Amino acid sequence: MNFITFYQNLRTKISDEDGMLLVHNGIVKGGSREGKAVKKVTVRVNWDKLEEILEIYRKTEGISLVEAYIREGELYVGDDIMFLGVAGDVRENVINTLQAVLDRIKKEVTQKQEI
């Protein structure tokens, strides 16, 4: 899946009540947070935990849609790792929900080894 396909799929699912659709695109970067060079990453995903988290946030007041696509395996600099989309009624609800879901995915769902 690519970003355009992910985005277009989300657009077909939002309603007339939604005032914002926010999409995050995580990309493999060429350096770690510690400043070390990165050539590739290996990503592992806990799919059951991902679905559990998405279901929790889909029930958030003002939120109509929470979807994620994560690539697993060996990925190289410039490759897309994850797409995360959140739609809802107002900006504050959507931004806060996307941040919360993203933080939980990074902490509880994905394991990434930089090489």
C-alpha atoms as a PDB file:
ATOM      1  CA  MET A   1       0.000   0.000   0.000  1.00  0.00           C
ATOM      2  CA  ASN A   2       1.185   3.525  -0.699  1.00  0.00           C
ATOM      3  CA  PHE A   3       0.263   6.825   0.924  1.00  0.00           C
ATOM      4  CA  ILE A   4      -2.156   7.900  -1.810  1.00  0.00           C
ATOM      5  CA  THR A   5      -4.107   4.640  -1.629  1.00  0.00           C
ATOM      6  CA  PHE A   6      -4.244   4.838   2.175  1.00  0.00           C
ATOM      7  CA  TYR A   7      -5.452   8.444   2.079  1.00  0.00           C
ATOM      8  CA  GLN A   8      -8.044   7.824  -0.639  1.00  0.00           C
ATOM      9  CA  ASN A   9      -9.405   4.867   1.322  1.00  0.00           C
ATOM     10  CA  LEU A  10      -9.797   7.052   4.415  1.00  0.00           C
ATOM     11  CA  ARG A  11     -11.554   9.786   2.424  1.00  0.00           C
ATOM     12  CA  THR A  12     -14.249   7.313   1.345  1.00  0.00           C
ATOM     13  CA  LYS A  13     -14.990   6.486   4.993  1.00  0.00           C
ATOM     14  CA  ILE A  14     -15.414   9.945   6.535  1.00  0.00           C
ATOM     15  CA  SER A  15     -18.825  11.499   7.094  1.00  0.00           C
ATOM     16  CA  ASP A  16     -20.392  14.922   6.711  1.00  0.00           C
ATOM     17  CA  GLU A  17     -19.834  15.444  10.451  1.00  0.00           C
ATOM     18  CA  ASP A  18     -16.049  15.177  10.126  1.00  0.00           C
ATOM     19  CA  GLY A  19     -14.157  18.459  10.025  1.00  0.00           C
ATOM     20  CA  MET A  20     -10.637  17.067   9.946  1.00  0.00           C
ATOM     21  CA  LEU A  21      -8.679  14.132   8.610  1.00  0.00           C
ATOM     22  CA  LEU A  22      -5.100  13.946   9.849  1.00  0.00           C
ATOM     23  CA  VAL A  23      -2.630  11.464   8.362  1.00  0.00           C
ATOM     24  CA  HIS A  24       0.801  10.557   9.701  1.00  0.00           C
ATOM     25  CA  ASN A  25       3.426   8.995   7.405  1.00  0.00           C
ATOM     26  CA  GLY A  26       6.393   7.474   9.257  1.00  0.00           C
ATOM     27  CA  ILE A  27       9.512   7.100   7.082  1.00  0.00           C
ATOM     28  CA  VAL A  28      12.832   5.337   7.682  1.00  0.00           C
ATOM     29  CA  LYS A  29      15.414   8.063   8.210  1.00  0.00           C
ATOM     30  CA  GLY A  30      19.148   7.863   7.689  1.00  0.00           C
ATOM     31  CA  GLY A  31      20.083   8.664  11.276  1.00  0.00           C
ATOM     32  CA  SER A  32      19.058   7.569  14.750  1.00  0.00           C
ATOM     33  CA  ARG A  33      17.928   9.917  17.523  1.00  0.00           C
ATOM     34  CA  GLU A  34      21.412   9.467  18.968  1.00  0.00           C
ATOM     35  CA  GLY A  35      23.013  10.700  15.736  1.00  0.00           C
ATOM     36  CA  LYS A  36      24.240   7.325  14.445  1.00  0.00           C
ATOM     37  CA  ALA A  37      23.970   6.485  10.740  1.00  0.00           C
ATOM     38  CA  VAL A  38      21.156   4.083   9.797  1.00  0.00           C
ATOM     39  CA  LYS A  39      21.107   2.006   6.596  1.00  0.00           C
ATOM     40  CA  LYS A  40      17.968  -0.002   7.317  1.00  0.00           C
ATOM     41  CA  VAL A  41      15.596  -1.044  10.078  1.00  0.00           C
ATOM     42  CA  THR A  42      13.897  -4.281  10.991  1.00  0.00           C
ATOM     43  CA  VAL A  43      10.331  -3.763  12.183  1.00  0.00           C
ATOM     44  CA  ARG A  44       8.181  -6.246  14.110  1.00  0.00           C
ATOM     45  CA  VAL A  45       4.482  -5.651  14.806  1.00  0.00           C
ATOM     46  CA  ASN A  46       2.176  -6.996  17.511  1.00  0.00           C
ATOM     47  CA  TRP A  47      -0.960  -7.103  15.352  1.00  0.00           C
ATOM     48  CA  ASP A  48      -3.345  -8.053  18.176  1.00  0.00           C
ATOM     49  CA  LYS A  49      -2.185  -5.128  20.316  1.00  0.00           C
ATOM     50  CA  LEU A  50      -2.497  -2.786  17.334  1.00  0.00           C
ATOM     51  CA  GLU A  51      -6.124  -3.749  16.789  1.00  0.00           C
ATOM     52  CA  GLU A  52      -6.841  -3.395  20.514  1.00  0.00           C
ATOM     53  CA  ILE A  53      -5.450   0.150  20.550  1.00  0.00           C
ATOM     54  CA  LEU A  54      -7.277   1.173  17.378  1.00  0.00           C
ATOM     55  CA  GLU A  55     -10.573  -0.112  18.797  1.00  0.00           C
ATOM     56  CA  ILE A  56     -10.109   1.880  22.009  1.00  0.00           C
ATOM     57  CA  TYR A  57      -9.540   5.159  20.168  1.00  0.00           C
ATOM     58  CA  ARG A  58     -12.326   4.549  17.645  1.00  0.00           C
ATOM     59  CA  LYS A  59     -14.678   4.969  20.617  1.00  0.00           C
ATOM     60  CA  THR A  60     -13.258   8.385  21.554  1.00  0.00           C
ATOM     61  CA  GLU A  61     -15.838  11.168  21.607  1.00  0.00           C
ATOM     62  CA  GLY A  62     -15.662  13.228  18.426  1.00  0.00           C
ATOM     63  CA  ILE A  63     -13.627  10.602  16.552  1.00  0.00           C
ATOM     64  CA  SER A  64     -15.178   8.722  13.639  1.00  0.00           C
ATOM     65  CA  LEU A  65     -12.165   6.917  12.170  1.00  0.00           C
ATOM     66  CA  VAL A  66      -8.818   5.523  13.309  1.00  0.00           C
ATOM     67  CA  GLU A  67      -6.873   3.397  10.813  1.00  0.00           C
ATOM     68  CA  ALA A  68      -3.265   2.249  10.621  1.00  0.00           C
ATOM     69  CA  TYR A  69      -1.058   0.434   8.132  1.00  0.00           C
ATOM     70  CA  ILE A  70       2.367  -0.731   9.300  1.00  0.00           C
ATOM     71  CA  ARG A  71       5.014  -2.460   7.216  1.00  0.00           C
ATOM     72  CA  GLU A  72       6.844  -5.282   8.911  1.00  0.00           C
ATOM     73  CA  GLY A  73      10.269  -6.689   8.090  1.00  0.00           C
ATOM     74  CA  GLU A  74      13.407  -5.151   6.651  1.00  0.00           C
ATOM     75  CA  LEU A  75      12.998  -1.555   5.458  1.00  0.00           C
ATOM     76  CA  TYR A  76      15.545   0.875   4.012  1.00  0.00           C
ATOM     77  CA  VAL A  77      16.123   4.620   4.348  1.00  0.00           C
ATOM     78  CA  GLY A  78      13.295   6.439   2.576  1.00  0.00           C
ATOM     79  CA  ASP A  79      10.814   3.549   2.882  1.00  0.00           C
ATOM     80  CA  ASP A  80       7.419   4.188   4.446  1.00  0.00           C
ATOM     81  CA  ILE A  81       7.060   2.410   7.790  1.00  0.00           C
ATOM     82  CA  MET A  82       3.595   3.446   8.892  1.00  0.00           C
ATOM     83  CA  PHE A  83       0.504   5.340   7.872  1.00  0.00           C
ATOM     84  CA  LEU A  84      -1.908   6.421  10.615  1.00  0.00           C
ATOM     85  CA  GLY A  85      -5.135   8.259   9.922  1.00  0.00           C
ATOM     86  CA  VAL A  86      -7.597   9.839  12.331  1.00  0.00           C
ATOM     87  CA  ALA A  87     -10.795  11.670  11.393  1.00  0.00           C
ATOM     88  CA  GLY A  88     -13.244  13.499  13.591  1.00  0.00           C
ATOM     89  CA  ASP A  89     -15.320  16.503  14.348  1.00  0.00           C
ATOM     90  CA  VAL A  90     -12.828  19.189  15.399  1.00  0.00           C
ATOM     91  CA  ARG A  91      -9.106  19.816  15.225  1.00  0.00           C
ATOM     92  CA  GLU A  92      -8.393  19.408  18.948  1.00  0.00           C
ATOM     93  CA  ASN A  93     -10.003  15.977  19.120  1.00  0.00           C
ATOM     94  CA  VAL A  94      -8.271  14.706  15.988  1.00  0.00           C
ATOM     95  CA  ILE A  95      -4.783  16.015  16.812  1.00  0.00           C
ATOM     96  CA  ASN A  96      -4.908  14.750  20.401  1.00  0.00           C
ATOM     97  CA  THR A  97      -6.157  11.333  19.322  1.00  0.00           C
ATOM     98  CA  LEU A  98      -3.544  10.936  16.598  1.00  0.00           C
ATOM     99  CA  GLN A  99      -0.786  11.819  19.082  1.00  0.00           C
ATOM    100  CA  ALA A 100      -2.113   9.355  21.676  1.00  0.00           C
ATOM    101  CA  VAL A 101      -2.487   6.506  19.179  1.00  0.00           C
ATOM    102  CA  LEU A 102       0.935   7.151  17.657  1.00  0.00           C
ATOM    103  CA  ASP A 103       2.608   7.177  21.068  1.00  0.00           C
ATOM    104  CA  ARG A 104       0.963   3.890  22.046  1.00  0.00           C
ATOM    105  CA  ILE A 105       1.863   2.221  18.738  1.00  0.00           C
ATOM    106  CA  LYS A 106       5.507   3.252  19.139  1.00  0.00           C
ATOM    107  CA  LYS A 107       5.613   1.993  22.755  1.00  0.00           C
ATOM    108  CA  GLU A 108       3.354  -1.077  22.649  1.00  0.00           C
ATOM    109  CA  VAL A 109       2.996  -2.316  19.077  1.00  0.00           C
ATOM    110  CA  THR A 110       6.209  -1.939  17.096  1.00  0.00           C
ATOM    111  CA  GLN A 111       9.726  -3.054  17.783  1.00  0.00           C
ATOM    112  CA  LYS A 112      12.366  -1.459  15.588  1.00  0.00           C
ATOM    113  CA  GLN A 113      16.013  -2.402  15.271  1.00  0.00           C
ATOM    114  CA  GLU A 114      18.214   0.129  13.475  1.00  0.00           C
ATOM    115  CA  ILE A 115      21.111  -1.233  11.455  1.00  0.00           C
END
